[in-house]
Amino acid sequence: MQEYKTPASAGQDEFTEKRSRFIGYVCPVSSEQEALDFIASIKSRHWDARHNVYAYRLRDGGITRYSDDGEPSGTAGMPVLNVIQRNDLTDCAVVVTRYFGGILLGGGGLVRAYSHAAAIGISAAGIAVMRLCTDCSLLCDYNQYGKLQSLIPACGGKVIRADFGSAVTMYFVITQESLDSLTVKLADATGGSVTVSIGGKRFIRMNEDDN
């Protein structure tokens, strides 16, 4: 796997359908225990709600779970999970809380309501694209720093920090494909005087607006 999508942050939104209040909560999680803890926290907050429906999907082990929490089978938890899957999200937990308003929605109405609550919760949280990147560093002169500070993001990398001493050490992350391109352009820009040191690999949020 070279990349995956996950919620950018925790988020929530709500709407009312025939006097029933639906609140969609979304949270990025990295393990099943984190998902269960998130679900438990929402249930504790909304202990007086009629239903706290949930679904989650994890990269580790390809785990997917859902619960209708008392709603008719197939009308709540599965629709929430389907929204997670349609958005291609993983390491994602969603809880939809329902305060019953006294009017029955029917099976189709419940599917639409729970799907919509999950969707607006995900929209509120935002979606982060996590890409498999390599940790890199380079050592350059001060007169090269400005040029390289622009070159790295232009090649698809993300500068993490720079340490300033007798020379400048720049730390950045970049995908392997972009690293190949950067290596060529770096040699051209510095006459081969600056080279990249390669470290380990990890998933990094690399949305375009994060560079």
Protein backbone atom coordinates (compact mmCIF):
# COMPACT_ATOMS: atom_id res chain seq x y z
CA MET A 1 0.00 0.00 0.00
CA GLN A 2 1.48 3.33 -1.09
CA GLU A 3 -1.29 5.54 0.28
CA TYR A 4 -4.58 5.49 2.15
CA LYS A 5 -7.30 7.93 3.21
CA THR A 6 -8.35 8.61 6.79
CA PRO A 7 -10.25 11.37 8.62
CA ALA A 8 -8.12 14.52 8.82
CA SER A 9 -9.35 15.16 12.37
CA ALA A 10 -12.24 14.44 14.69
CA GLY A 11 -15.43 16.05 13.45
CA GLN A 12 -19.17 16.14 13.95
CA ASP A 13 -22.34 17.48 12.41
CA GLU A 14 -26.04 16.93 12.90
CA PHE A 15 -29.46 17.33 11.37
CA THR A 16 -33.10 16.67 12.29
CA GLU A 17 -35.40 14.35 10.38
CA LYS A 18 -39.06 14.17 11.40
CA ARG A 19 -38.17 15.42 14.89
CA SER A 20 -35.44 12.78 15.36
CA ARG A 21 -32.04 14.33 15.99
CA PHE A 22 -29.10 12.59 14.29
CA ILE A 23 -25.51 13.48 15.26
CA GLY A 24 -22.65 12.08 13.21
CA TYR A 25 -19.29 11.78 15.02
CA VAL A 26 -16.10 10.84 13.16
CA CYS A 27 -12.63 10.12 14.52
CA PRO A 28 -9.32 8.88 13.08
CA VAL A 29 -8.13 5.78 14.95
CA SER A 30 -5.06 3.56 14.66
CA SER A 31 -6.26 0.42 16.46
CA GLU A 32 -9.41 -1.43 17.40
CA GLN A 33 -8.97 -0.39 21.02
CA GLU A 34 -8.91 3.28 19.98
CA ALA A 35 -12.10 2.73 17.99
CA LEU A 36 -13.80 1.05 20.95
CA ASP A 37 -12.66 3.82 23.30
CA PHE A 38 -14.08 6.45 20.93
CA ILE A 39 -17.40 4.61 20.69
CA ALA A 40 -17.55 4.26 24.48
CA SER A 41 -16.89 7.99 24.93
CA ILE A 42 -19.79 8.93 22.64
CA LYS A 43 -22.11 6.45 24.34
CA SER A 44 -21.15 7.91 27.70
CA ARG A 45 -21.78 11.45 26.47
CA HIS A 46 -25.15 10.49 24.98
CA TRP A 47 -26.27 7.92 27.52
CA ASP A 48 -29.84 9.22 27.20
CA ALA A 49 -30.07 8.78 23.41
CA ARG A 50 -32.26 6.05 21.93
CA HIS A 51 -29.45 4.72 19.72
CA ASN A 52 -25.68 5.10 19.32
CA VAL A 53 -25.01 3.31 16.05
CA TYR A 54 -21.40 2.78 15.02
CA ALA A 55 -19.07 1.44 12.37
CA TYR A 56 -15.30 1.37 11.98
CA ARG A 57 -12.74 0.20 9.46
CA LEU A 58 -9.03 -0.44 10.17
CA ARG A 59 -5.95 -1.00 8.03
CA ASP A 60 -4.43 -3.40 10.55
CA GLY A 61 -5.94 -6.79 9.78
CA GLY A 62 -8.55 -5.30 7.44
CA ILE A 63 -11.01 -5.19 10.34
CA THR A 64 -14.53 -3.83 9.80
CA ARG A 65 -17.22 -3.77 12.50
CA TYR A 66 -20.64 -2.20 12.86
CA SER A 67 -23.63 -2.19 15.17
CA ASP A 68 -27.29 -1.25 14.64
CA ASP A 69 -27.61 -0.65 18.41
CA GLY A 70 -31.26 -1.63 18.51
CA GLU A 71 -32.36 -0.27 15.14
CA PRO A 72 -33.84 -2.82 12.68
CA SER A 73 -31.14 -5.03 11.21
CA GLY A 74 -29.41 -3.52 8.19
CA THR A 75 -30.91 -0.03 8.57
CA ALA A 76 -28.18 1.71 10.59
CA GLY A 77 -24.73 0.22 11.18
CA MET A 78 -24.27 -1.17 7.68
CA PRO A 79 -25.31 2.09 5.96
CA VAL A 80 -22.77 3.94 8.14
CA LEU A 81 -20.07 1.42 7.18
CA ASN A 82 -21.06 1.78 3.52
CA VAL A 83 -20.42 5.54 3.71
CA ILE A 84 -16.96 4.88 5.18
CA GLN A 85 -16.23 2.45 2.36
CA ARG A 86 -17.59 4.72 -0.39
CA ASN A 87 -15.20 7.42 0.79
CA ASP A 88 -12.40 4.81 0.77
CA LEU A 89 -11.57 5.64 4.39
CA THR A 90 -9.65 3.42 6.76
CA ASP A 91 -8.45 3.84 10.34
CA CYS A 92 -11.82 5.52 10.73
CA ALA A 93 -14.56 5.22 13.36
CA VAL A 94 -18.04 6.73 13.06
CA VAL A 95 -20.80 6.94 15.64
CA VAL A 96 -24.27 8.23 14.79
CA THR A 97 -26.35 9.19 17.81
CA ARG A 98 -30.13 9.32 17.44
CA TYR A 99 -32.56 11.04 19.75
CA PHE A 100 -35.94 9.63 18.75
CA GLY A 101 -38.53 12.26 17.90
CA GLY A 102 -41.62 10.08 18.12
CA ILE A 103 -42.18 9.58 14.39
CA LEU A 104 -41.13 6.31 12.74
CA LEU A 105 -38.97 6.74 9.65
CA GLY A 106 -39.36 3.26 8.16
CA GLY A 107 -36.52 1.12 6.88
CA GLY A 108 -35.65 3.27 3.89
CA GLY A 109 -35.88 6.45 5.93
CA LEU A 110 -33.50 5.04 8.54
CA VAL A 111 -30.95 4.02 5.91
CA ARG A 112 -31.03 7.51 4.39
CA ALA A 113 -30.83 9.24 7.78
CA TYR A 114 -27.91 7.21 9.12
CA SER A 115 -26.08 7.46 5.79
CA HIS A 116 -26.53 11.22 5.74
CA ALA A 117 -25.39 11.64 9.35
CA ALA A 118 -22.22 9.65 8.62
CA ALA A 119 -21.58 11.64 5.44
CA ILE A 120 -21.91 15.08 7.05
CA GLY A 121 -19.74 13.94 9.96
CA ILE A 122 -17.02 12.87 7.51
CA SER A 123 -17.36 16.17 5.66
CA ALA A 124 -16.87 18.05 8.93
CA ALA A 125 -13.78 15.97 9.79
CA GLY A 126 -12.21 16.29 6.35
CA ILE A 127 -10.17 13.63 4.56
CA ALA A 128 -6.40 13.27 4.80
CA VAL A 129 -4.36 11.42 2.17
CA MET A 130 -1.57 9.48 3.88
CA ARG A 131 1.29 8.53 1.56
CA LEU A 132 4.22 6.20 2.17
CA CYS A 133 7.23 8.51 2.31
CA THR A 134 10.94 8.31 2.97
CA ASP A 135 12.59 10.38 5.69
CA CYS A 136 15.44 12.33 4.12
CA SER A 137 17.98 15.00 5.00
CA LEU A 138 20.55 17.07 3.22
CA LEU A 139 23.34 19.44 4.16
CA CYS A 140 23.71 22.65 2.20
CA ASP A 141 25.34 26.08 2.33
CA TYR A 142 23.33 29.12 3.35
CA ASN A 143 23.46 30.49 -0.19
CA GLN A 144 21.82 27.25 -1.43
CA TYR A 145 19.13 27.11 1.27
CA GLY A 146 16.56 29.40 -0.36
CA LYS A 147 16.69 27.55 -3.66
CA LEU A 148 16.40 24.11 -2.03
CA GLN A 149 13.63 25.26 0.30
CA SER A 150 11.56 25.87 -2.84
CA LEU A 151 12.85 22.91 -4.85
CA ILE A 152 11.83 20.21 -2.35
CA PRO A 153 8.09 21.07 -2.26
CA ALA A 154 8.15 21.74 -6.00
CA CYS A 155 9.24 18.11 -6.44
CA GLY A 156 6.48 16.82 -4.15
CA GLY A 157 8.37 16.72 -0.84
CA LYS A 158 7.44 18.24 2.49
CA VAL A 159 10.06 20.06 4.56
CA ILE A 160 9.80 19.11 8.24
CA ARG A 161 12.42 21.42 9.69
CA ALA A 162 15.81 23.03 9.13
CA ASP A 163 18.70 23.23 11.60
CA PHE A 164 21.03 26.20 11.21
CA GLY A 165 24.66 25.83 12.21
CA SER A 166 27.84 26.33 10.22
CA ALA A 167 25.71 24.94 7.38
CA VAL A 168 22.00 24.18 7.01
CA THR A 169 20.61 20.69 7.58
CA MET A 170 17.18 20.23 6.04
CA TYR A 171 14.88 17.36 7.04
CA PHE A 172 12.06 16.41 4.72
CA VAL A 173 9.79 13.57 3.63
CA ILE A 174 9.05 12.55 0.06
CA THR A 175 7.59 9.64 -1.89
CA GLN A 176 10.02 7.33 -3.68
CA GLU A 177 8.79 8.42 -7.09
CA SER A 178 9.28 12.09 -6.23
CA LEU A 179 12.66 11.36 -4.64
CA ASP A 180 13.99 10.03 -7.94
CA SER A 181 12.97 13.28 -9.65
CA LEU A 182 14.34 15.43 -6.82
CA THR A 183 17.73 13.70 -6.97
CA VAL A 184 18.15 14.64 -10.61
CA LYS A 185 17.01 18.25 -10.12
CA LEU A 186 19.11 18.62 -6.98
CA ALA A 187 22.24 17.60 -8.84
CA ASP A 188 21.46 20.14 -11.58
CA ALA A 189 20.73 22.92 -9.07
CA THR A 190 23.85 22.42 -6.96
CA GLY A 191 26.31 21.05 -9.47
CA GLY A 192 26.29 17.76 -7.56
CA SER A 193 27.57 19.36 -4.35
CA VAL A 194 24.48 18.42 -2.31
CA THR A 195 23.24 14.86 -1.91
CA VAL A 196 20.31 13.35 -0.02
CA SER A 197 20.71 11.02 2.98
CA ILE A 198 17.99 8.37 3.11
CA GLY A 199 16.25 7.23 6.27
CA GLY A 200 13.27 5.03 7.03
CA LYS A 201 9.77 4.99 5.59
CA ARG A 202 6.48 6.05 7.18
CA PHE A 203 3.02 7.26 6.21
CA ILE A 204 2.72 11.05 6.17
CA ARG A 205 -0.21 13.35 5.51
CA MET A 206 0.64 14.81 2.11
CA ASN A 207 -2.50 16.66 0.97
CA GLU A 208 -1.67 19.41 -1.49
CA ASP A 209 -2.80 22.15 0.92
CA ASP A 210 -0.44 20.82 3.62
CA ASN A 211 2.78 21.50 1.71
